[in-house]
Amino acid sequence: MHLDPKNLKRDFLRFIFASMMAQWIFALYSAVDGMFVARGVNEVALSAVNIASPFINFLFSISLLFAAGTSTVAAIYLGQGKKQRASQIVTQNLALVVILAVVITAAVLLFPESIAAFLGATEETMEYVIAYITSIAPFSVFFIVAYEFEMLVKTDGYPKYATMAIISGCLINCILDYIFIFHLHMGVIGAGLATGIAQFTLVIIYLIHFFGPRATLKIVPFHFERKELWRIIKIGLPSGLTELSAGLTIFLFNHAIIAYLNNDALVTYTIIGYVNTIVVMGMAGIAQGAQPMISYYYGQGSNQYVKKLLYYGLVSASILAALIFTGCLTGADFFVRLFISSENTSLLASSAAVFRIFSISFLIMGFNVVVCGFFTAIERPVGSLVISLARGLVTIAVSIFLMTALFGGPGIWWAATVSECMCLVITTLLFKWQKRRGQLY
């Protein structure tokens, strides 16, 4: 992995920068689709893309579930000098996710209306939601494999290669969005196809690395090992749930907004949802960037470096949170105008105000996400699972229920902050409990 304990901070920055760039660019895929759809189709289509976005989050979460577990186990084996063993784990995992992706594709193409209705499609948005998810579904295998390869290339010691690959994919997505939507007038189908083709291109770029002479991790013959699969799932499940939390949050908010507010509020949350996903992905990028390093030194038994890396992760998350919160306060109007035309002044004003309220939650989420990733990296899956379930499902659902019960529809916009605060209490107590038991480092 080309790690040098004497330059621990430099290596940490090198890995998290690549990981954060990867996460943000993956998050931008949906945001870019939304911006082009908003300008090239209409605001109803924009809402439909938001309603369908949890499906993309689901694909990425499946990928991360296996990728986080595989990269952690592979990094531990690399730290122990077992290169062939690490490659066998990688190859077994790749075969399994391809099979799983085929099943997901078949389910979406066979039952598009049922899935669209589950996601929250209304009579007005149903046609757009179906068009979007069915255009993306044939590319499911590339969504899952591309995201997984990105993490494995970093584990293999080439974070810059991974960064350049995803930048290339994002540029391809933007160009194809412009061509398909504005020139070929393909609407949301064009947006879905553009994103899918970009993911396909990413897989090709990553395969060039794994079959090249520089790669340590290779595609090799393997024998299926149930024990290693279960180990990967236990480790990766919390990270997968962290990724899924962005989609679950959008899912729960969409249903609450439909029940308590109106279509304008759904457009407002569509914009907020994109930014929230970008923030979550940035925090996850810090956690995932540090993860292979933490696992590597943990495999060596170098606990002093594990402790330092956790500290670096928490400081980085705090700095990022402060910068993003400041940017949201000062730039709310700018972000909103990317999606809403300047003629709709009332929607612009209300959306900017809500955006500033929602951004308070960004100050808190980093600690929860980074500690969750740390537990994953040192093979403490129970701690990671508790945090992921709390943050991704339990606290957000409880918060939405409480805030709407107390304050009605407007209370929805404070639910994210309340949820992160509740999860922070759980994370802090869990961290202290693990530390008292001597199970951290």
Protein backbone atom coordinates (compact mmCIF):
# COMPACT_ATOMS: atom_id res chain seq x y z
CA MET A 1 0.00 0.00 0.00
CA HIS A 2 3.12 2.25 -0.08
CA LEU A 3 2.56 3.45 3.49
CA ASP A 4 5.28 5.07 5.61
CA PRO A 5 4.64 5.54 9.36
CA LYS A 6 7.07 8.47 9.34
CA ASN A 7 4.72 10.31 6.97
CA LEU A 8 1.44 9.19 8.50
CA LYS A 9 -0.31 12.54 8.10
CA ARG A 10 0.79 12.86 4.47
CA ASP A 11 -0.46 9.36 3.67
CA PHE A 12 -3.72 10.10 5.48
CA LEU A 13 -4.31 13.26 3.44
CA ARG A 14 -3.38 11.45 0.24
CA PHE A 15 -5.93 8.71 0.89
CA ILE A 16 -8.80 10.83 2.18
CA PHE A 17 -8.43 13.41 -0.60
CA ALA A 18 -8.84 10.69 -3.21
CA SER A 19 -11.71 9.11 -1.30
CA MET A 20 -13.57 12.38 -0.75
CA MET A 21 -13.20 13.32 -4.41
CA ALA A 22 -14.57 9.91 -5.37
CA GLN A 23 -17.52 10.21 -3.00
CA TRP A 24 -18.37 13.73 -4.12
CA ILE A 25 -18.20 12.87 -7.78
CA PHE A 26 -20.41 9.83 -7.25
CA ALA A 27 -22.85 12.12 -5.41
CA LEU A 28 -22.71 14.61 -8.26
CA TYR A 29 -24.00 12.03 -10.73
CA SER A 30 -27.55 12.41 -9.39
CA ALA A 31 -27.17 16.15 -8.79
CA VAL A 32 -26.00 16.70 -12.37
CA ASP A 33 -28.92 14.64 -13.66
CA GLY A 34 -31.23 16.79 -11.53
CA MET A 35 -29.81 20.09 -12.82
CA PHE A 36 -30.07 19.06 -16.46
CA VAL A 37 -33.56 17.64 -15.96
CA ALA A 38 -34.72 20.80 -14.15
CA ARG A 39 -33.50 23.00 -16.99
CA GLY A 40 -34.20 20.67 -19.89
CA VAL A 41 -37.51 19.07 -18.88
CA ASN A 42 -39.48 20.62 -15.97
CA GLU A 43 -39.66 20.82 -12.17
CA VAL A 44 -42.00 17.81 -11.96
CA ALA A 45 -39.32 15.72 -13.65
CA LEU A 46 -36.79 17.12 -11.14
CA SER A 47 -38.98 15.90 -8.28
CA ALA A 48 -39.24 12.51 -10.00
CA VAL A 49 -35.45 12.17 -10.18
CA ASN A 50 -35.31 12.94 -6.45
CA ILE A 51 -38.00 10.36 -5.73
CA ALA A 52 -36.01 7.78 -7.72
CA SER A 53 -32.63 8.69 -6.18
CA PRO A 54 -32.94 6.24 -3.24
CA PHE A 55 -32.72 3.48 -5.85
CA ILE A 56 -29.28 4.75 -6.87
CA ASN A 57 -28.32 5.06 -3.19
CA PHE A 58 -29.43 1.46 -2.80
CA LEU A 59 -27.11 0.34 -5.61
CA PHE A 60 -24.20 2.25 -4.09
CA SER A 61 -24.95 0.89 -0.62
CA ILE A 62 -24.90 -2.69 -1.92
CA SER A 63 -21.57 -1.95 -3.54
CA LEU A 64 -20.15 -0.37 -0.40
CA LEU A 65 -21.42 -3.20 1.80
CA PHE A 66 -19.20 -5.62 -0.10
CA ALA A 67 -16.44 -3.14 -0.99
CA ALA A 68 -15.85 -1.92 2.59
CA GLY A 69 -15.73 -5.47 3.92
CA THR A 70 -13.55 -6.72 1.07
CA SER A 71 -11.12 -3.80 1.20
CA THR A 72 -10.79 -4.13 4.99
CA VAL A 73 -10.09 -7.87 4.85
CA ALA A 74 -7.77 -7.44 1.85
CA ALA A 75 -5.86 -4.64 3.62
CA ILE A 76 -5.43 -6.81 6.71
CA TYR A 77 -4.07 -9.65 4.57
CA LEU A 78 -1.75 -7.23 2.75
CA GLY A 79 -0.51 -5.99 6.12
CA GLN A 80 0.26 -9.61 6.97
CA GLY A 81 2.05 -10.12 3.64
CA LYS A 82 -0.60 -12.50 2.22
CA LYS A 83 -1.04 -11.01 -1.27
CA GLN A 84 -2.49 -14.08 -2.98
CA ARG A 85 -5.01 -14.51 -0.21
CA ALA A 86 -6.10 -10.88 -0.58
CA SER A 87 -6.59 -11.33 -4.35
CA GLN A 88 -8.73 -14.44 -3.85
CA ILE A 89 -11.02 -12.53 -1.48
CA VAL A 90 -11.36 -9.72 -4.03
CA THR A 91 -12.21 -12.10 -6.87
CA GLN A 92 -14.80 -14.07 -4.88
CA ASN A 93 -16.50 -10.83 -3.90
CA LEU A 94 -16.56 -9.60 -7.50
CA ALA A 95 -18.32 -12.75 -8.69
CA LEU A 96 -20.97 -12.43 -5.98
CA VAL A 97 -21.81 -8.77 -6.63
CA VAL A 98 -22.19 -9.41 -10.36
CA ILE A 99 -24.78 -12.10 -9.64
CA LEU A 100 -26.58 -9.82 -7.18
CA ALA A 101 -26.64 -6.96 -9.70
CA VAL A 102 -28.28 -9.18 -12.31
CA VAL A 103 -31.04 -10.06 -9.82
CA ILE A 104 -31.64 -6.37 -9.02
CA THR A 105 -31.84 -5.50 -12.72
CA ALA A 106 -34.39 -8.22 -13.36
CA ALA A 107 -36.56 -7.10 -10.41
CA VAL A 108 -36.70 -3.48 -11.60
CA LEU A 109 -37.49 -4.35 -15.21
CA LEU A 110 -40.19 -6.85 -14.21
CA PHE A 111 -41.91 -4.68 -11.56
CA PRO A 112 -41.23 -1.01 -12.41
CA GLU A 113 -44.60 0.37 -11.32
CA SER A 114 -44.51 -1.35 -7.94
CA ILE A 115 -40.99 -0.12 -7.25
CA ALA A 116 -41.85 3.43 -8.37
CA ALA A 117 -44.91 3.47 -6.09
CA PHE A 118 -42.80 2.19 -3.18
CA LEU A 119 -40.28 4.96 -3.74
CA GLY A 120 -43.11 7.49 -3.39
CA ALA A 121 -44.10 8.30 -6.96
CA THR A 122 -47.37 10.21 -7.22
CA GLU A 123 -49.79 10.19 -10.13
CA GLU A 124 -48.03 13.29 -11.46
CA THR A 125 -44.49 11.88 -11.21
CA MET A 126 -45.09 8.16 -11.84
CA GLU A 127 -44.23 8.22 -15.55
CA TYR A 128 -40.97 10.08 -14.96
CA VAL A 129 -39.89 7.83 -12.06
CA ILE A 130 -40.50 4.66 -14.08
CA ALA A 131 -38.59 6.06 -17.04
CA TYR A 132 -35.61 6.98 -14.85
CA ILE A 133 -35.24 3.73 -12.90
CA THR A 134 -35.79 1.50 -15.94
CA SER A 135 -33.12 3.39 -17.90
CA ILE A 136 -30.64 2.93 -15.05
CA ALA A 137 -31.49 -0.68 -14.10
CA PRO A 138 -29.66 -2.34 -17.07
CA PHE A 139 -26.47 -0.68 -15.81
CA SER A 140 -26.86 -1.86 -12.19
CA VAL A 141 -23.88 -4.21 -12.43
CA PHE A 142 -21.65 -1.31 -13.49
CA PHE A 143 -22.92 0.95 -10.69
CA ILE A 144 -22.07 -1.68 -8.11
CA VAL A 145 -18.77 -2.87 -9.59
CA ALA A 146 -17.47 0.65 -10.36
CA TYR A 147 -17.97 1.85 -6.80
CA GLU A 148 -16.37 -1.31 -5.44
CA PHE A 149 -13.37 -1.08 -7.78
CA GLU A 150 -12.83 2.52 -6.68
CA MET A 151 -12.27 1.42 -3.08
CA LEU A 152 -10.15 -1.58 -4.07
CA VAL A 153 -7.85 0.51 -6.28
CA LYS A 154 -7.19 2.74 -3.25
CA THR A 155 -6.58 -0.32 -1.09
CA ASP A 156 -4.14 -1.47 -3.75
CA GLY A 157 -2.19 1.74 -3.15
CA TYR A 158 -3.28 3.92 -6.11
CA PRO A 159 -5.70 6.58 -4.83
CA LYS A 160 -4.71 9.06 -7.57
CA TYR A 161 -5.66 6.54 -10.27
CA ALA A 162 -9.08 6.12 -8.65
CA THR A 163 -9.55 9.89 -8.50
CA MET A 164 -8.68 10.40 -12.16
CA ALA A 165 -11.02 7.57 -13.14
CA ILE A 166 -14.05 9.01 -11.39
CA ILE A 167 -13.34 12.50 -12.71
CA SER A 168 -13.37 11.00 -16.21
CA GLY A 169 -16.66 9.27 -15.46
CA CYS A 170 -18.25 12.48 -14.19
CA LEU A 171 -17.17 14.42 -17.26
CA ILE A 172 -18.64 11.74 -19.51
CA ASN A 173 -21.89 11.90 -17.54
CA CYS A 174 -22.13 15.69 -17.91
CA ILE A 175 -21.41 15.61 -21.64
CA LEU A 176 -23.92 12.84 -22.29
CA ASP A 177 -26.56 14.56 -20.11
CA TYR A 178 -26.23 17.67 -22.26
CA ILE A 179 -26.41 15.72 -25.53
CA PHE A 180 -29.25 13.36 -24.54
CA ILE A 181 -31.46 15.97 -22.84
CA PHE A 182 -30.91 19.19 -24.80
CA HIS A 183 -30.09 17.87 -28.28
CA LEU A 184 -31.76 14.46 -28.51
CA HIS A 185 -34.64 15.49 -26.20
CA MET A 186 -34.65 12.12 -24.38
CA GLY A 187 -35.78 13.62 -21.05
CA VAL A 188 -35.23 11.62 -17.87
CA ILE A 189 -34.43 8.52 -19.92
CA GLY A 190 -31.46 10.40 -21.35
CA ALA A 191 -30.33 11.34 -17.83
CA GLY A 192 -30.45 7.71 -16.72
CA LEU A 193 -28.61 6.46 -19.80
CA ALA A 194 -25.90 9.12 -19.40
CA THR A 195 -25.23 8.03 -15.82
CA GLY A 196 -25.25 4.34 -16.74
CA ILE A 197 -22.81 4.76 -19.63
CA ALA A 198 -20.48 6.75 -17.37
CA GLN A 199 -20.46 3.87 -14.85
CA PHE A 200 -19.72 1.38 -17.62
CA THR A 201 -16.74 3.49 -18.68
CA LEU A 202 -15.45 3.56 -15.10
CA VAL A 203 -15.47 -0.23 -14.90
CA ILE A 204 -13.35 -0.45 -18.05
CA ILE A 205 -10.83 2.04 -16.64
CA TYR A 206 -10.54 0.12 -13.37
CA LEU A 207 -10.16 -3.23 -15.13
CA ILE A 208 -7.17 -1.80 -16.99
CA HIS A 209 -5.51 -1.30 -13.61
CA PHE A 210 -6.33 -4.72 -12.16
CA PHE A 211 -5.07 -6.52 -15.25
CA GLY A 212 -2.00 -4.28 -15.47
CA PRO A 213 1.51 -4.94 -14.14
CA ARG A 214 1.32 -2.45 -11.23
CA ALA A 215 -1.59 -4.07 -9.42
CA THR A 216 -0.98 -6.08 -6.27
CA LEU A 217 -4.62 -7.16 -6.07
CA LYS A 218 -5.44 -9.34 -9.07
CA ILE A 219 -8.38 -11.25 -10.52
CA VAL A 220 -7.36 -14.85 -9.73
CA PRO A 221 -8.97 -18.32 -9.47
CA PHE A 222 -10.74 -18.87 -6.15
CA HIS A 223 -12.75 -21.36 -4.15
CA PHE A 224 -15.94 -20.08 -2.56
CA GLU A 225 -15.50 -19.60 1.20
CA ARG A 226 -18.64 -18.98 3.19
CA LYS A 227 -16.68 -18.00 6.29
CA GLU A 228 -14.88 -15.18 4.46
CA LEU A 229 -18.14 -14.02 2.88
CA TRP A 230 -19.77 -13.74 6.28
CA ARG A 231 -16.71 -11.90 7.59
CA ILE A 232 -16.96 -9.41 4.72
CA ILE A 233 -20.70 -8.87 5.25
CA LYS A 234 -20.28 -8.31 9.00
CA ILE A 235 -17.57 -5.73 8.40
CA GLY A 236 -19.20 -4.04 5.41
CA LEU A 237 -22.82 -3.92 6.55
CA PRO A 238 -22.41 -0.78 8.69
CA SER A 239 -20.69 1.09 5.83
CA GLY A 240 -23.40 -0.06 3.45
CA LEU A 241 -26.06 1.22 5.82
CA THR A 242 -24.21 4.53 6.16
CA GLU A 243 -24.34 4.90 2.39
CA LEU A 244 -27.97 3.80 2.35
CA SER A 245 -28.82 6.35 5.03
CA ALA A 246 -28.75 9.15 2.47
CA GLY A 247 -31.31 7.29 0.37
CA LEU A 248 -33.41 6.34 3.39
CA THR A 249 -33.40 9.95 4.55
CA ILE A 250 -34.66 11.10 1.15
CA PHE A 251 -37.23 8.30 1.14
CA LEU A 252 -38.62 9.18 4.59
CA PHE A 253 -38.60 12.93 3.94
CA ASN A 254 -40.36 12.50 0.59
CA HIS A 255 -43.20 10.54 2.18
CA ALA A 256 -43.50 13.01 5.08
CA ILE A 257 -43.55 16.01 2.72
CA ILE A 258 -46.22 14.41 0.53
CA ALA A 259 -48.32 13.79 3.64
CA TYR A 260 -47.85 17.16 5.39
CA LEU A 261 -46.84 19.76 2.79
CA ASN A 262 -47.10 20.26 -1.00
CA ASN A 263 -45.32 19.79 -4.33
CA ASP A 264 -43.33 23.01 -3.89
CA ALA A 265 -41.92 21.62 -0.66
CA LEU A 266 -40.96 18.45 -2.53
CA VAL A 267 -38.99 20.54 -5.03
CA THR A 268 -37.31 22.32 -2.10
CA TYR A 269 -36.31 19.05 -0.51
CA THR A 270 -35.06 17.75 -3.85
CA ILE A 271 -32.41 20.48 -3.78
CA ILE A 272 -31.64 19.95 -0.09
CA GLY A 273 -31.42 16.20 -0.68
CA TYR A 274 -28.69 16.65 -3.29
CA VAL A 275 -26.61 18.81 -0.96
CA ASN A 276 -27.23 16.48 1.99
CA THR A 277 -26.02 13.54 -0.08
CA ILE A 278 -22.87 15.43 -1.05
CA VAL A 279 -22.16 16.24 2.62
CA VAL A 280 -22.78 12.67 3.75
CA MET A 281 -20.54 11.39 0.96
CA GLY A 282 -17.80 13.83 1.96
CA MET A 283 -17.87 12.58 5.56
CA ALA A 284 -17.99 9.00 4.33
CA GLY A 285 -15.01 9.82 2.12
CA ILE A 286 -12.96 10.71 5.20
CA ALA A 287 -14.01 7.49 6.91
CA GLN A 288 -13.41 5.32 3.85
CA GLY A 289 -10.13 7.02 2.95
CA ALA A 290 -8.72 6.30 6.38
CA GLN A 291 -10.19 2.80 6.52
CA PRO A 292 -7.58 0.84 4.51
CA MET A 293 -4.77 2.60 6.42
CA ILE A 294 -6.36 1.87 9.79
CA SER A 295 -6.98 -1.75 8.80
CA TYR A 296 -3.40 -2.10 7.52
CA TYR A 297 -1.82 -0.85 10.75
CA TYR A 298 -4.39 -2.75 12.80
CA GLY A 299 -3.34 -5.92 10.98
CA GLN A 300 0.26 -5.13 11.91
CA GLY A 301 -0.67 -4.49 15.54
CA SER A 302 0.59 -0.87 15.32
CA ASN A 303 -2.06 0.59 17.61
CA GLN A 304 -0.34 3.96 18.05
CA TYR A 305 -0.88 4.70 14.36
CA VAL A 306 -4.47 3.50 14.53
CA LYS A 307 -5.16 6.01 17.31
CA LYS A 308 -3.54 8.86 15.38
CA LEU A 309 -5.53 8.08 12.26
CA LEU A 310 -8.79 8.24 14.22
CA TYR A 311 -7.77 11.65 15.56
CA TYR A 312 -6.93 12.88 12.06
CA GLY A 313 -10.31 11.66 10.82
CA LEU A 314 -12.28 13.48 13.52
CA VAL A 315 -10.36 16.73 13.03
CA SER A 316 -10.83 16.54 9.25
CA ALA A 317 -14.58 15.95 9.66
CA SER A 318 -14.87 18.94 12.02
CA ILE A 319 -13.07 21.26 9.60
CA LEU A 320 -15.13 20.03 6.65
CA ALA A 321 -18.38 20.46 8.61
CA ALA A 322 -17.53 24.06 9.54
CA LEU A 323 -16.63 24.94 5.94
CA ILE A 324 -19.78 23.37 4.49
CA PHE A 325 -22.06 24.98 7.08
CA THR A 326 -20.56 28.40 6.38
CA GLY A 327 -20.94 27.83 2.66
CA CYS A 328 -24.58 26.84 3.06
CA LEU A 329 -25.41 29.91 5.13
CA THR A 330 -23.82 32.30 2.67
CA GLY A 331 -24.55 30.44 -0.56
CA ALA A 332 -28.07 29.11 -0.06
CA ASP A 333 -29.54 31.43 -2.68
CA PHE A 334 -26.91 30.40 -5.22
CA PHE A 335 -27.53 26.66 -4.74
CA VAL A 336 -31.28 27.10 -5.02
CA ARG A 337 -30.98 29.10 -8.25
CA LEU A 338 -29.15 26.20 -9.90
CA PHE A 339 -32.44 24.30 -9.89
CA ILE A 340 -35.25 26.88 -9.73
CA SER A 341 -35.83 29.61 -12.30
CA SER A 342 -35.44 33.20 -11.09
CA GLU A 343 -39.08 33.97 -12.00
CA ASN A 344 -40.36 31.76 -9.18
CA THR A 345 -39.38 34.21 -6.44
CA SER A 346 -41.56 32.79 -3.65
CA LEU A 347 -40.19 29.26 -4.10
CA LEU A 348 -36.64 30.61 -4.28
CA ALA A 349 -37.04 32.49 -1.00
CA SER A 350 -38.70 29.67 0.91
CA SER A 351 -36.23 27.09 -0.37
CA ALA A 352 -33.22 29.19 0.64
CA ALA A 353 -34.65 29.69 4.15
CA VAL A 354 -35.31 25.98 4.60
CA PHE A 355 -31.85 25.15 3.22
CA ARG A 356 -30.21 27.23 5.97
CA ILE A 357 -32.24 25.48 8.68
CA PHE A 358 -31.42 22.02 7.35
CA SER A 359 -27.68 22.78 7.09
CA ILE A 360 -27.33 22.89 10.90
CA SER A 361 -27.36 19.08 10.82
CA PHE A 362 -24.12 19.11 8.78
CA LEU A 363 -22.21 20.33 11.85
CA ILE A 364 -22.93 17.09 13.71
CA MET A 365 -23.00 14.24 11.23
CA GLY A 366 -19.22 14.00 10.70
CA PHE A 367 -18.48 12.55 14.14
CA ASN A 368 -21.14 9.88 13.70
CA VAL A 369 -19.93 8.83 10.24
CA VAL A 370 -16.20 8.81 11.06
CA VAL A 371 -16.55 6.81 14.27
CA CYS A 372 -18.80 4.35 12.45
CA GLY A 373 -16.11 3.91 9.77
CA PHE A 374 -13.44 3.49 12.42
CA PHE A 375 -15.32 0.64 14.06
CA THR A 376 -15.56 -1.02 10.66
CA ALA A 377 -11.83 -0.65 9.99
CA ILE A 378 -10.83 -2.40 13.24
CA GLU A 379 -13.40 -5.19 12.82
CA ARG A 380 -15.88 -4.00 15.43
CA PRO A 381 -18.98 -4.52 13.25
CA VAL A 382 -21.48 -4.43 16.12
CA GLY A 383 -20.56 -0.85 17.01
CA SER A 384 -20.69 0.22 13.37
CA LEU A 385 -24.01 -1.53 12.87
CA VAL A 386 -25.61 0.17 15.87
CA ILE A 387 -24.52 3.63 14.67
CA SER A 388 -25.57 2.95 11.09
CA LEU A 389 -29.00 1.64 12.04
CA ALA A 390 -29.54 4.50 14.48
CA ARG A 391 -28.49 7.21 12.05
CA GLY A 392 -29.85 5.70 8.85
CA LEU A 393 -33.26 4.60 10.04
CA VAL A 394 -34.20 4.79 13.72
CA THR A 395 -33.34 8.36 14.75
CA ILE A 396 -34.44 9.97 11.49
CA ALA A 397 -37.80 8.17 11.58
CA VAL A 398 -38.32 9.11 15.25
CA SER A 399 -37.28 12.71 14.58
CA ILE A 400 -39.67 13.15 11.66
CA PHE A 401 -42.51 11.70 13.73
CA LEU A 402 -41.76 13.90 16.76
CA MET A 403 -41.20 17.14 14.86
CA THR A 404 -44.33 16.78 12.71
CA ALA A 405 -46.37 15.82 15.77
CA LEU A 406 -45.16 18.90 17.66
CA PHE A 407 -44.91 21.50 14.89
CA GLY A 408 -46.74 20.07 11.88
CA GLY A 409 -45.30 20.30 8.37
CA PRO A 410 -42.66 22.99 9.10
CA GLY A 411 -41.18 20.72 11.79
CA ILE A 412 -39.93 18.42 9.03
CA TRP A 413 -37.06 20.78 8.24
CA TRP A 414 -35.64 20.47 11.79
CA ALA A 415 -35.85 16.67 11.88
CA ALA A 416 -32.38 16.08 10.39
CA THR A 417 -30.65 18.13 13.09
CA VAL A 418 -32.62 16.43 15.86
CA SER A 419 -31.77 13.04 14.36
CA GLU A 420 -28.02 13.75 14.20
CA CYS A 421 -28.05 14.97 17.81
CA MET A 422 -29.78 11.81 18.97
CA CYS A 423 -27.30 9.68 17.05
CA LEU A 424 -24.38 11.67 18.47
CA VAL A 425 -25.42 10.69 21.98
CA ILE A 426 -25.55 7.02 20.94
CA THR A 427 -22.18 7.23 19.17
CA THR A 428 -20.47 8.91 22.13
CA LEU A 429 -21.81 6.40 24.65
CA LEU A 430 -20.86 3.48 22.42
CA PHE A 431 -17.33 4.82 21.85
CA LYS A 432 -16.76 5.31 25.59
CA TRP A 433 -18.12 1.83 26.32
CA GLN A 434 -15.82 0.21 23.75
CA LYS A 435 -12.86 2.20 25.08
CA ARG A 436 -13.51 1.13 28.67
CA ARG A 437 -13.52 -2.49 27.52
CA GLY A 438 -10.18 -1.98 25.78
CA GLN A 439 -11.57 -2.92 22.37
CA LEU A 440 -10.53 0.15 20.37
CA TYR A 441 -6.72 0.24 20.15
